[in-house]
């Protein structure tokens, strides 16, 4: 830990000592969060999934509701630091510009734990060639090289529905480099690129001269190709299409051992708005000096007089090659799908947002991949998708820098029916039968009692934000939920075990102080 702290101190001193005249595009984005609360006052440690200990300081999984942060890679309650050193130099050819950015993310929570502290945040080298008549760069061709992490280079638009990132390689070893070639021609844009990563192959079994079984694996290169294009035929209307082919690795299932696991698919978005920009999540912006990325660092929302609005509809369809459970030594394509509708309205200081999301269970488990890893669902399997809708509203009182708000939503969780036989682990009669297994977006699996089926989950959050300065945000929140799907394994009077439902009411609350500078 002390070695990591020394590295952190050295990095910060280096950033502070750099000549400021050559660092017009450099910046440090720091987020420090303090949260005190309890996500469920009715439960103690070990009684729920996710776990809910007594009131304490720190972030919790239970603070996150299904409709939270759909367009972000994080919860927004992290303690982290982003350091970017940026340089831009005009090239020797008219219209040619060269750029480079060293981007580092520092997880400060890792300084007091066992997690990683430092990670690359898509450092890049970029060449831009202006093709507009006046060489102003309004229209251009560009080549972007990511030597360490191309995780932000993905297919899709709403962050929670994107795919093709580093998490799609289950046996990834080391960095995930990439390159991207693209062009902006005014009314339309295009891009295409590749990722090349090293990943561990499936284990191979062999016998040595003494007859002992040895398991060996090697590292091989996996290739991925991603592309995208879009147009704005009239002001406010955007049509976007992207797709990709991803080699995820070798299948470890014995009857199809070392067969390539791939994902091939497309994403599309149709959006229209007036006043509110239709763009990408800040966590998908590849360039750290991007104007819209820098604007996203502001803690306070921006308001303009009058009515502004936008609507967006997007969808994904992906075919994944996995082991076929119904045919020996065969593979099959398993389709995964997802869609989202998002409508936003802003009138003076009032904001209203309506969101609906559909995610097939196959899509939610795309990176695992699948429910039984590397094996597709059987044709007879009964698989249900996740569907939820949410509405939120808030109002900013400029005089007091106060913003009360409310969010409410209903979710039908994803599930799959499984059958447990008495021969499996000598299962007692009370645990034999057909069960619905719910799969949360966070990965937890909840088994319902035999014969029971999933029901909707209702949740709401009431918040009040106060901005005492440009740097600091104080947030008070109350969480209310009603979840009849929550279960626990209980020991009966005859010492047998059975699944029973828990109290469906959830009440939590907390306060968060966050400084961002």
Protein backbone atom coordinates (compact mmCIF):
# COMPACT_ATOMS: atom_id res chain seq x y z
CA UNK A 1 0.00 0.00 0.00
CA UNK A 2 2.87 2.39 0.86
CA UNK A 3 4.46 1.72 -2.52
CA UNK A 4 1.17 2.58 -4.26
CA UNK A 5 0.88 5.76 -2.18
CA UNK A 6 4.39 6.81 -3.22
CA UNK A 7 3.47 6.26 -6.88
CA UNK A 8 0.31 8.35 -6.43
CA UNK A 9 2.25 11.17 -4.76
CA UNK A 10 4.91 11.09 -7.49
CA UNK A 11 2.24 11.25 -10.21
CA UNK A 12 0.51 14.23 -8.64
CA UNK A 13 3.80 16.08 -8.12
CA UNK A 14 4.72 15.44 -11.76
CA UNK A 15 1.40 16.92 -12.89
CA UNK A 16 1.87 19.99 -10.68
CA UNK A 17 5.45 20.59 -11.79
CA UNK A 18 4.78 20.42 -15.54
CA UNK A 19 5.27 23.71 -17.38
CA UNK A 20 1.81 25.25 -17.56
CA UNK A 21 2.51 27.01 -20.85
CA UNK A 22 2.57 23.68 -22.70
CA UNK A 23 -0.43 22.19 -20.92
CA UNK A 24 -3.47 24.07 -22.21
CA UNK A 25 -5.39 20.82 -22.67
CA UNK A 26 -4.24 19.06 -19.49
CA UNK A 27 -6.65 18.57 -16.64
CA UNK A 28 -7.19 16.72 -13.39
CA UNK A 29 -10.73 15.57 -12.56
CA UNK A 30 -11.01 14.58 -8.91
CA UNK A 31 -14.11 13.09 -7.27
CA UNK A 32 -14.21 12.55 -3.50
CA UNK A 33 -17.40 11.07 -2.03
CA UNK A 34 -18.58 10.50 1.55
CA UNK A 35 -21.79 8.50 2.00
CA UNK A 36 -23.47 7.66 5.30
CA UNK A 37 -26.62 5.54 5.36
CA UNK A 38 -28.41 2.21 5.21
CA UNK A 39 -29.99 0.76 2.07
CA UNK A 40 -32.51 -1.33 4.06
CA UNK A 41 -33.37 -0.50 7.67
CA UNK A 42 -35.44 -3.71 7.95
CA UNK A 43 -32.52 -6.12 7.32
CA UNK A 44 -29.13 -6.88 8.84
CA UNK A 45 -25.95 -8.40 7.42
CA UNK A 46 -26.40 -11.78 5.74
CA UNK A 47 -30.18 -11.52 5.38
CA UNK A 48 -30.52 -10.15 1.85
CA UNK A 49 -28.96 -10.13 -1.61
CA UNK A 50 -27.23 -7.73 -1.96
CA UNK A 51 -26.00 -7.68 1.64
CA UNK A 52 -27.33 -4.90 3.90
CA UNK A 53 -25.32 -4.42 7.12
CA UNK A 54 -26.20 -1.81 9.72
CA UNK A 55 -25.80 1.88 8.97
CA UNK A 56 -22.23 2.72 8.01
CA UNK A 57 -19.98 4.97 5.93
CA UNK A 58 -19.32 3.95 2.34
CA UNK A 59 -21.06 3.06 -0.89
CA UNK A 60 -23.45 0.10 -1.17
CA UNK A 61 -24.82 -1.93 -4.02
CA UNK A 62 -28.31 -1.49 -2.56
CA UNK A 63 -28.21 2.26 -3.19
CA UNK A 64 -28.37 1.55 -6.92
CA UNK A 65 -31.84 1.14 -8.46
CA UNK A 66 -32.42 -0.56 -11.86
CA UNK A 67 -32.94 2.76 -13.65
CA UNK A 68 -29.87 4.51 -12.19
CA UNK A 69 -26.90 5.65 -14.27
CA UNK A 70 -27.91 3.86 -17.45
CA UNK A 71 -25.57 6.09 -19.44
CA UNK A 72 -22.56 5.84 -17.13
CA UNK A 73 -19.92 3.23 -16.39
CA UNK A 74 -19.91 4.10 -12.67
CA UNK A 75 -22.36 4.93 -9.89
CA UNK A 76 -21.08 8.49 -9.46
CA UNK A 77 -20.28 7.84 -5.78
CA UNK A 78 -16.69 6.66 -6.34
CA UNK A 79 -13.51 8.19 -4.96
CA UNK A 80 -11.28 8.55 -7.98
CA UNK A 81 -8.95 10.82 -9.87
CA UNK A 82 -8.54 11.25 -13.63
CA UNK A 83 -5.23 12.71 -14.76
CA UNK A 84 -4.83 13.72 -18.42
CA UNK A 85 -1.67 15.16 -19.98
CA UNK A 86 -2.52 16.46 -23.45
CA UNK A 87 -0.46 17.88 -26.30
CA UNK A 88 -1.54 19.19 -29.71
CA UNK A 89 0.90 20.18 -32.49
CA UNK A 90 0.22 21.32 -36.04
CA UNK A 91 1.64 18.95 -38.67
CA UNK A 92 4.02 19.71 -41.53
CA UNK A 93 1.22 19.33 -44.11
CA UNK A 94 -1.55 21.94 -44.50
CA UNK A 95 -4.60 20.75 -42.55
CA UNK A 96 -2.72 18.07 -40.59
CA UNK A 97 -2.88 18.12 -36.79
CA UNK A 98 -1.31 15.65 -34.36
CA UNK A 99 -2.51 15.03 -30.82
CA UNK A 100 -1.62 12.76 -27.91
CA UNK A 101 -3.09 12.27 -24.45
CA UNK A 102 -1.83 10.21 -21.54
CA UNK A 103 -4.96 9.46 -19.51
CA UNK A 104 -4.77 7.74 -16.13
CA UNK A 105 -7.53 6.73 -13.73
CA UNK A 106 -6.66 6.37 -10.05
CA UNK A 107 -9.06 4.51 -7.75
CA UNK A 108 -8.37 6.01 -4.35
CA UNK A 109 -10.37 3.29 -2.59
CA UNK A 110 -7.69 0.84 -3.76
CA UNK A 111 -5.10 2.62 -1.63
CA UNK A 112 -6.71 1.14 1.50
CA UNK A 113 -7.73 -2.22 0.02
CA UNK A 114 -6.52 -5.02 -2.19
CA UNK A 115 -7.97 -3.69 -5.45
CA UNK A 116 -6.06 -2.13 -8.31
CA UNK A 117 -5.20 1.54 -8.00
CA UNK A 118 -3.92 2.68 -11.38
CA UNK A 119 -5.47 2.01 -14.78
CA UNK A 120 -5.17 3.49 -18.24
CA UNK A 121 -8.18 5.59 -19.26
CA UNK A 122 -7.86 5.23 -23.04
CA UNK A 123 -4.62 7.11 -23.67
CA UNK A 124 -4.31 7.81 -27.36
CA UNK A 125 -2.34 9.18 -30.31
CA UNK A 126 -4.37 10.95 -32.98
CA UNK A 127 -3.75 12.28 -36.48
CA UNK A 128 -6.41 14.60 -37.93
CA UNK A 129 -6.50 15.80 -41.54
CA UNK A 130 -8.91 18.61 -42.39
CA UNK A 131 -10.76 18.09 -45.68
CA UNK A 132 -13.01 21.16 -45.64
CA UNK A 133 -12.07 23.87 -48.19
CA UNK A 134 -10.84 26.35 -45.54
CA UNK A 135 -8.91 23.71 -43.55
CA UNK A 136 -10.72 24.68 -40.34
CA UNK A 137 -11.35 21.08 -39.31
CA UNK A 138 -15.15 21.16 -39.64
CA UNK A 139 -14.77 18.13 -41.92
CA UNK A 140 -11.91 15.76 -41.40
CA UNK A 141 -10.39 12.31 -41.52
CA UNK A 142 -8.74 10.97 -38.38
CA UNK A 143 -6.76 8.00 -37.12
CA UNK A 144 -6.81 7.25 -33.38
CA UNK A 145 -4.40 4.74 -31.81
CA UNK A 146 -5.02 3.27 -28.35
CA UNK A 147 -1.81 1.51 -27.22
CA UNK A 148 -3.14 0.32 -23.83
CA UNK A 149 -6.93 0.43 -23.44
CA UNK A 150 -9.56 0.67 -26.14
CA UNK A 151 -12.38 -0.09 -23.69
CA UNK A 152 -14.24 3.13 -24.54
CA UNK A 153 -14.24 2.02 -28.20
CA UNK A 154 -17.55 0.10 -28.26
CA UNK A 155 -20.65 -0.65 -30.30
CA UNK A 156 -23.92 0.97 -29.20
CA UNK A 157 -25.03 4.28 -27.66
CA UNK A 158 -26.70 4.08 -24.22
CA UNK A 159 -23.78 2.88 -22.07
CA UNK A 160 -25.62 0.01 -20.35
CA UNK A 161 -26.55 -1.40 -23.77
CA UNK A 162 -23.09 -1.09 -25.36
CA UNK A 163 -20.92 -4.10 -26.13
CA UNK A 164 -17.46 -4.89 -27.48
CA UNK A 165 -15.53 -3.50 -24.47
CA UNK A 166 -12.73 -5.18 -22.52
CA UNK A 167 -15.27 -7.06 -20.36
CA UNK A 168 -16.19 -9.22 -23.37
CA UNK A 169 -12.90 -11.13 -23.08
CA UNK A 170 -13.26 -13.52 -20.10
CA UNK A 171 -9.58 -14.60 -20.23
CA UNK A 172 -8.05 -11.27 -21.15
CA UNK A 173 -4.40 -10.94 -20.15
CA UNK A 174 -2.85 -7.50 -20.18
CA UNK A 175 -3.98 -4.44 -22.15
CA UNK A 176 -6.75 -4.18 -24.76
CA UNK A 177 -5.19 -2.02 -27.52
CA UNK A 178 -7.15 -0.79 -30.53
CA UNK A 179 -7.12 1.59 -33.45
CA UNK A 180 -9.91 3.54 -35.13
CA UNK A 181 -10.07 5.25 -38.53
CA UNK A 182 -12.94 7.63 -39.23
CA UNK A 183 -14.25 10.66 -40.98
CA UNK A 184 -16.69 13.53 -40.43
CA UNK A 185 -18.16 14.90 -43.65
CA UNK A 186 -20.69 17.35 -42.25
CA UNK A 187 -24.03 15.65 -42.85
CA UNK A 188 -22.65 12.18 -42.15
CA UNK A 189 -19.81 10.43 -40.32
CA UNK A 190 -18.22 6.98 -40.39
CA UNK A 191 -15.64 5.01 -38.46
CA UNK A 192 -14.11 1.55 -38.36
CA UNK A 193 -11.40 -0.09 -36.31
CA UNK A 194 -9.95 -3.20 -34.73
CA UNK A 195 -9.00 -4.55 -31.34
CA UNK A 196 -6.24 -7.11 -30.85
CA UNK A 197 -5.94 -8.63 -27.37
CA UNK A 198 -4.03 -11.49 -25.81
CA UNK A 199 -6.16 -14.08 -24.03
CA UNK A 200 -5.58 -17.43 -22.38
CA UNK A 201 -6.78 -20.45 -24.33
CA UNK A 202 -8.90 -23.24 -22.83
CA UNK A 203 -7.00 -25.77 -20.70
CA UNK A 204 -5.56 -28.76 -22.57
CA UNK A 205 -5.12 -32.07 -20.79
CA UNK A 206 -2.17 -34.36 -21.61
CA UNK A 207 -0.25 -37.14 -19.91
CA UNK A 208 3.50 -37.05 -19.25
CA UNK A 209 5.89 -40.01 -19.23
CA UNK A 210 4.89 -40.90 -15.69
CA UNK A 211 1.22 -41.06 -16.68
CA UNK A 212 0.28 -37.93 -14.74
CA UNK A 213 -2.36 -35.66 -16.26
CA UNK A 214 -1.13 -32.16 -17.02
CA UNK A 215 -3.25 -29.12 -17.79
CA UNK A 216 -1.68 -26.50 -20.01
CA UNK A 217 -2.83 -23.31 -21.68
CA UNK A 218 -1.32 -20.78 -24.03
CA UNK A 219 -1.90 -17.18 -25.02
CA UNK A 220 -3.28 -16.28 -28.40
CA UNK A 221 -4.35 -13.13 -30.21
CA UNK A 222 -8.07 -12.42 -30.49
CA UNK A 223 -9.31 -10.05 -33.18
CA UNK A 224 -12.34 -7.79 -33.20
CA UNK A 225 -13.65 -5.47 -35.87
CA UNK A 226 -16.05 -2.60 -35.09
CA UNK A 227 -17.69 -0.06 -37.38
CA UNK A 228 -20.21 2.73 -37.29
CA UNK A 229 -21.84 5.42 -39.39
CA UNK A 230 -24.50 8.06 -38.98
CA UNK A 231 -26.16 11.05 -40.52
CA UNK A 232 -28.12 14.16 -39.56
CA UNK A 233 -30.39 14.68 -42.58
CA UNK A 234 -32.22 17.60 -40.94
CA UNK A 235 -31.36 19.68 -37.86
CA UNK A 236 -32.15 17.76 -34.69
CA UNK A 237 -32.64 14.35 -36.34
CA UNK A 238 -29.84 11.77 -36.12
CA UNK A 239 -29.73 8.24 -37.51
CA UNK A 240 -26.88 6.00 -36.31
CA UNK A 241 -25.83 2.43 -37.08
CA UNK A 242 -22.90 0.46 -35.66
CA UNK A 243 -21.85 -3.17 -35.56
CA UNK A 244 -19.03 -5.53 -34.88
CA UNK A 245 -17.46 -8.96 -34.85
CA UNK A 246 -15.73 -9.96 -31.60
CA UNK A 247 -13.61 -13.04 -30.93
CA UNK A 248 -14.16 -13.63 -27.21
CA UNK A 249 -11.84 -16.62 -26.76
CA UNK A 250 -11.76 -20.40 -26.88
CA UNK A 251 -14.61 -22.48 -25.47
CA UNK A 252 -13.52 -24.60 -22.43
CA UNK A 253 -16.53 -26.97 -22.61
CA UNK A 254 -14.92 -30.37 -23.24
CA UNK A 255 -16.99 -31.62 -26.18
CA UNK A 256 -16.32 -28.38 -28.10
CA UNK A 257 -12.98 -27.53 -26.49
CA UNK A 258 -11.05 -24.75 -28.21
CA UNK A 259 -13.88 -23.83 -30.57
CA UNK A 260 -13.90 -20.06 -31.03
CA UNK A 261 -16.57 -18.12 -29.10
CA UNK A 262 -17.65 -15.13 -31.18
CA UNK A 263 -20.24 -12.35 -31.05
CA UNK A 264 -21.54 -10.68 -34.21
CA UNK A 265 -24.21 -8.02 -34.22
CA UNK A 266 -25.56 -4.56 -34.87
CA UNK A 267 -26.83 -1.55 -32.92
CA UNK A 268 -28.99 1.26 -34.26
CA UNK A 269 -30.39 4.52 -32.89
CA UNK A 270 -32.95 7.03 -34.08
CA UNK A 271 -33.08 10.32 -32.18
CA UNK A 272 -34.75 13.69 -32.56
CA UNK A 273 -34.71 16.76 -30.38
CA UNK A 274 -34.75 20.51 -30.09
CA UNK A 275 -32.47 22.29 -27.64
CA UNK A 276 -31.18 19.14 -25.88
CA UNK A 277 -28.14 17.57 -27.51
CA UNK A 278 -28.28 13.97 -28.71
CA UNK A 279 -24.83 12.52 -28.25
CA UNK A 280 -22.75 9.88 -26.50
CA UNK A 281 -22.17 9.14 -22.83
CA UNK A 282 -19.07 10.81 -21.40
CA UNK A 283 -17.81 7.29 -20.68
CA UNK A 284 -17.88 6.51 -24.41
CA UNK A 285 -16.05 9.63 -25.56
CA UNK A 286 -12.69 8.48 -26.82
CA UNK A 287 -10.93 11.83 -26.69
CA UNK A 288 -10.22 13.30 -23.27
CA UNK A 289 -10.04 16.86 -24.65
CA UNK A 290 -13.50 16.52 -26.25
CA UNK A 291 -15.54 19.66 -25.53
CA UNK A 292 -18.65 17.69 -24.55
CA UNK A 293 -16.56 15.46 -22.25
CA UNK A 294 -15.16 18.51 -20.47
CA UNK A 295 -18.68 19.93 -20.11
CA UNK A 296 -19.80 16.66 -18.49
CA UNK A 297 -17.34 17.23 -15.63
CA UNK A 298 -19.54 20.03 -14.30
CA UNK A 299 -21.51 18.98 -11.21
CA UNK A 300 -24.41 21.37 -11.77
CA UNK A 301 -26.86 20.77 -14.62
CA UNK A 302 -27.08 23.50 -17.25
CA UNK A 303 -30.37 25.29 -17.87
CA UNK A 304 -31.70 27.47 -20.64
CA UNK A 305 -34.92 29.46 -20.76
CA UNK A 306 -37.85 27.93 -22.62
CA UNK A 307 -38.67 24.41 -23.71
CA UNK A 308 -36.07 21.87 -24.84
CA UNK A 309 -36.65 18.19 -25.50
CA UNK A 310 -35.33 15.06 -27.18
CA UNK A 311 -36.43 11.46 -27.77
CA UNK A 312 -34.24 8.50 -28.68
CA UNK A 313 -34.96 4.89 -29.61
CA UNK A 314 -32.21 2.29 -29.97
CA UNK A 315 -31.84 -1.46 -30.29
CA UNK A 316 -29.24 -4.24 -30.40
CA UNK A 317 -29.19 -7.71 -31.98
CA UNK A 318 -26.18 -9.98 -31.39
CA UNK A 319 -25.51 -13.61 -32.32
CA UNK A 320 -23.11 -15.46 -30.02
CA UNK A 321 -21.49 -18.81 -30.87
CA UNK A 322 -21.62 -21.17 -27.87
CA UNK A 323 -21.72 -24.88 -27.05
CA UNK A 324 -25.03 -26.51 -28.02
CA UNK A 325 -26.60 -28.25 -24.98
CA UNK A 326 -28.94 -30.27 -27.19
CA UNK A 327 -26.32 -31.72 -29.57
CA UNK A 328 -23.06 -33.38 -28.58
CA UNK A 329 -19.83 -31.79 -29.89
CA UNK A 330 -21.74 -29.01 -31.66
CA UNK A 331 -22.01 -25.26 -31.39
CA UNK A 332 -25.00 -23.01 -31.98
CA UNK A 333 -25.82 -19.33 -32.35
CA UNK A 334 -27.57 -17.78 -29.37
CA UNK A 335 -29.29 -14.47 -30.09
CA UNK A 336 -29.17 -11.61 -27.61
CA UNK A 337 -31.25 -8.46 -27.90
CA UNK A 338 -31.80 -5.18 -26.09
CA UNK A 339 -33.69 -1.95 -26.69
CA UNK A 340 -34.25 1.39 -24.98
CA UNK A 341 -36.54 4.38 -25.29
CA UNK A 342 -35.53 7.65 -23.68
CA UNK A 343 -37.51 10.92 -23.64
CA UNK A 344 -36.25 14.08 -21.92
CA UNK A 345 -37.91 17.45 -21.46
CA UNK A 346 -36.56 20.62 -19.89
CA UNK A 347 -38.62 23.74 -19.29
CA UNK A 348 -36.68 26.53 -17.62
CA UNK A 349 -35.45 24.84 -14.39
CA UNK A 350 -37.78 21.82 -14.56
CA UNK A 351 -36.49 18.52 -15.95
CA UNK A 352 -38.56 15.40 -16.70
CA UNK A 353 -37.22 12.07 -18.00
CA UNK A 354 -39.09 8.94 -19.15
CA UNK A 355 -37.10 5.73 -19.80
CA UNK A 356 -38.04 2.20 -20.85
CA UNK A 357 -35.51 -0.62 -21.29
CA UNK A 358 -35.76 -4.19 -22.57
CA UNK A 359 -32.86 -6.62 -22.08
CA UNK A 360 -32.98 -10.29 -22.94
CA UNK A 361 -31.27 -12.54 -20.39
CA UNK A 362 -28.90 -13.60 -23.17
CA UNK A 363 -27.84 -9.95 -23.53
CA UNK A 364 -27.41 -9.45 -19.77
CA UNK A 365 -25.13 -12.52 -19.71
CA UNK A 366 -23.29 -11.65 -22.93
CA UNK A 367 -19.91 -11.24 -21.21
CA UNK A 368 -20.09 -14.35 -18.97
CA UNK A 369 -21.05 -15.75 -21.50
CA UNK A 370 -24.54 -17.27 -20.95
CA UNK A 371 -26.22 -18.75 -17.84
CA UNK A 372 -24.10 -21.90 -17.86
CA UNK A 373 -20.80 -20.35 -18.98
CA UNK A 374 -19.96 -20.91 -22.65
CA UNK A 375 -23.12 -22.98 -23.19
CA UNK A 376 -26.27 -21.73 -24.94
CA UNK A 377 -29.74 -22.13 -23.47
CA UNK A 378 -31.54 -25.31 -24.47
CA UNK A 379 -34.32 -24.93 -27.04
CA UNK A 380 -36.74 -26.09 -24.31
CA UNK A 381 -35.56 -23.51 -21.78
CA UNK A 382 -38.10 -20.92 -20.63
CA UNK A 383 -36.16 -17.66 -20.55
CA UNK A 384 -37.75 -14.31 -19.66
CA UNK A 385 -36.21 -10.87 -20.35
CA UNK A 386 -35.73 -7.92 -18.04
CA UNK A 387 -38.16 -5.05 -18.74
CA UNK A 388 -38.45 -1.84 -16.78
CA UNK A 389 -39.78 1.66 -17.08
CA UNK A 390 -39.02 4.72 -14.99
CA UNK A 391 -39.95 8.39 -14.73
CA UNK A 392 -37.99 11.09 -12.94
CA UNK A 393 -38.40 14.81 -12.35
CA UNK A 394 -36.46 17.55 -10.56
CA UNK A 395 -36.57 21.33 -10.22
CA UNK A 396 -33.65 23.67 -9.58
CA UNK A 397 -34.24 26.65 -7.28
CA UNK A 398 -31.44 28.89 -8.43
CA UNK A 399 -31.71 31.37 -5.58
CA UNK A 400 -31.00 28.69 -2.94
CA UNK A 401 -28.94 26.37 -5.22
CA UNK A 402 -31.39 23.62 -4.20
CA UNK A 403 -32.74 20.82 -6.39
CA UNK A 404 -35.41 18.41 -5.05
CA UNK A 405 -36.27 15.44 -7.22
CA UNK A 406 -38.10 12.14 -7.42
CA UNK A 407 -37.58 8.91 -9.40
CA UNK A 408 -39.99 5.99 -9.63
CA UNK A 409 -40.00 2.83 -11.67
CA UNK A 410 -41.26 -0.71 -12.08
CA UNK A 411 -39.10 -3.66 -13.15
CA UNK A 412 -39.88 -7.18 -14.28
CA UNK A 413 -36.57 -9.01 -13.63
CA UNK A 414 -35.00 -11.48 -16.05
CA UNK A 415 -35.44 -15.14 -15.19
CA UNK A 416 -34.95 -18.72 -16.37
CA UNK A 417 -36.69 -21.90 -15.23
CA UNK A 418 -34.39 -24.66 -13.95
CA UNK A 419 -35.18 -28.15 -12.70
CA UNK A 420 -33.43 -29.73 -9.73
CA UNK A 421 -33.46 -33.54 -9.49
CA UNK A 422 -33.05 -35.55 -6.28
CA UNK A 423 -29.87 -37.07 -7.72
CA UNK A 424 -28.14 -33.67 -7.84
CA UNK A 425 -26.04 -33.41 -4.69
CA UNK A 426 -28.53 -35.57 -2.76
CA UNK A 427 -30.99 -32.69 -2.83
CA UNK A 428 -33.78 -33.01 -0.19
CA UNK A 429 -37.39 -33.31 -1.44
CA UNK A 430 -38.10 -29.71 -0.36
CA UNK A 431 -35.48 -28.46 -2.85
CA UNK A 432 -36.47 -30.72 -5.74
CA UNK A 433 -38.64 -29.40 -8.56
CA UNK A 434 -38.86 -26.62 -11.11
CA UNK A 435 -37.60 -23.25 -9.91
CA UNK A 436 -37.51 -19.75 -11.36
CA UNK A 437 -34.02 -18.25 -11.07
CA UNK A 438 -33.92 -14.45 -11.25
CA UNK A 439 -30.77 -12.81 -12.59
CA UNK A 440 -30.19 -9.25 -11.37
CA UNK A 441 -28.40 -6.68 -13.51
CA UNK A 442 -25.63 -6.75 -10.89
CA UNK A 443 -25.14 -10.50 -11.46
CA UNK A 444 -26.80 -11.95 -8.35
CA UNK A 445 -29.03 -14.98 -8.85
CA UNK A 446 -32.12 -15.43 -6.68
CA UNK A 447 -33.97 -18.76 -6.55
CA UNK A 448 -37.73 -18.56 -6.00
CA UNK A 449 -39.65 -21.27 -4.10
CA UNK A 450 -40.84 -24.17 -6.29
CA UNK A 451 -43.84 -23.28 -8.42
CA UNK A 452 -43.53 -19.53 -7.85
CA UNK A 453 -42.94 -17.08 -10.69
CA UNK A 454 -41.39 -13.63 -10.89
CA UNK A 455 -43.50 -10.57 -10.09
CA UNK A 456 -42.85 -6.85 -10.68
CA UNK A 457 -40.53 -4.86 -8.43
CA UNK A 458 -41.56 -1.31 -7.54
CA UNK A 459 -39.01 1.25 -6.41
CA UNK A 460 -38.68 5.00 -5.86
CA UNK A 461 -36.13 7.49 -4.63
CA UNK A 462 -36.74 10.98 -3.20
CA UNK A 463 -33.71 13.28 -3.29
CA UNK A 464 -32.68 16.78 -2.35
CA UNK A 465 -29.43 18.24 -3.71
CA UNK A 466 -27.79 21.38 -2.41
CA UNK A 467 -24.86 23.05 -4.17
CA UNK A 468 -23.12 25.21 -1.52
CA UNK A 469 -20.32 25.94 -4.03
CA UNK A 470 -19.25 25.12 -7.58
CA UNK A 471 -17.16 22.28 -6.19
CA UNK A 472 -19.37 20.67 -3.55
CA UNK A 473 -22.68 18.80 -3.71
CA UNK A 474 -24.66 17.66 -0.67
CA UNK A 475 -27.31 15.00 -1.31
CA UNK A 476 -29.98 13.55 0.99
CA UNK A 477 -31.99 10.58 -0.31
CA UNK A 478 -34.69 8.13 0.72
CA UNK A 479 -35.20 4.78 -1.06
CA UNK A 480 -38.53 2.96 -0.99
CA UNK A 481 -39.06 -0.39 -2.74
CA UNK A 482 -41.45 -3.33 -2.77
CA UNK A 483 -39.86 -6.59 -3.97
CA UNK A 484 -41.83 -9.83 -3.56
CA UNK A 485 -39.06 -11.81 -5.31
CA UNK A 486 -36.58 -11.72 -2.44
CA UNK A 487 -36.04 -15.15 -0.83
CA UNK A 488 -33.82 -16.93 1.67
CA UNK A 489 -32.95 -20.56 2.42
CA UNK A 490 -34.60 -21.57 5.73
CA UNK A 491 -34.14 -24.63 7.95
CA UNK A 492 -37.48 -26.22 8.83
CA UNK A 493 -38.50 -27.88 12.11
CA UNK A 494 -37.71 -31.34 10.65
CA UNK A 495 -34.20 -30.03 9.73
CA UNK A 496 -35.00 -29.98 6.02
CA UNK A 497 -34.35 -26.81 3.99
CA UNK A 498 -36.71 -24.83 1.83
CA UNK A 499 -36.90 -21.50 0.02
CA UNK A 500 -39.18 -18.89 1.60
CA UNK A 501 -40.05 -15.32 0.72
CA UNK A 502 -38.74 -12.41 2.77
CA UNK A 503 -40.44 -9.19 3.81
CA UNK A 504 -40.91 -7.34 0.49
CA UNK A 505 -40.72 -3.83 1.96
CA UNK A 506 -37.42 -1.97 1.60
CA UNK A 507 -36.72 1.39 3.21
CA UNK A 508 -33.32 3.03 3.09
CA UNK A 509 -31.85 6.50 3.42
CA UNK A 510 -28.54 8.27 3.38
CA UNK A 511 -26.58 11.43 2.86
CA UNK A 512 -23.72 12.00 0.43
CA UNK A 513 -21.17 14.79 0.30
CA UNK A 514 -19.19 14.93 -2.92
CA UNK A 515 -16.43 17.29 -3.98
CA UNK A 516 -15.46 17.42 -7.64
CA UNK A 517 -12.68 19.60 -8.95
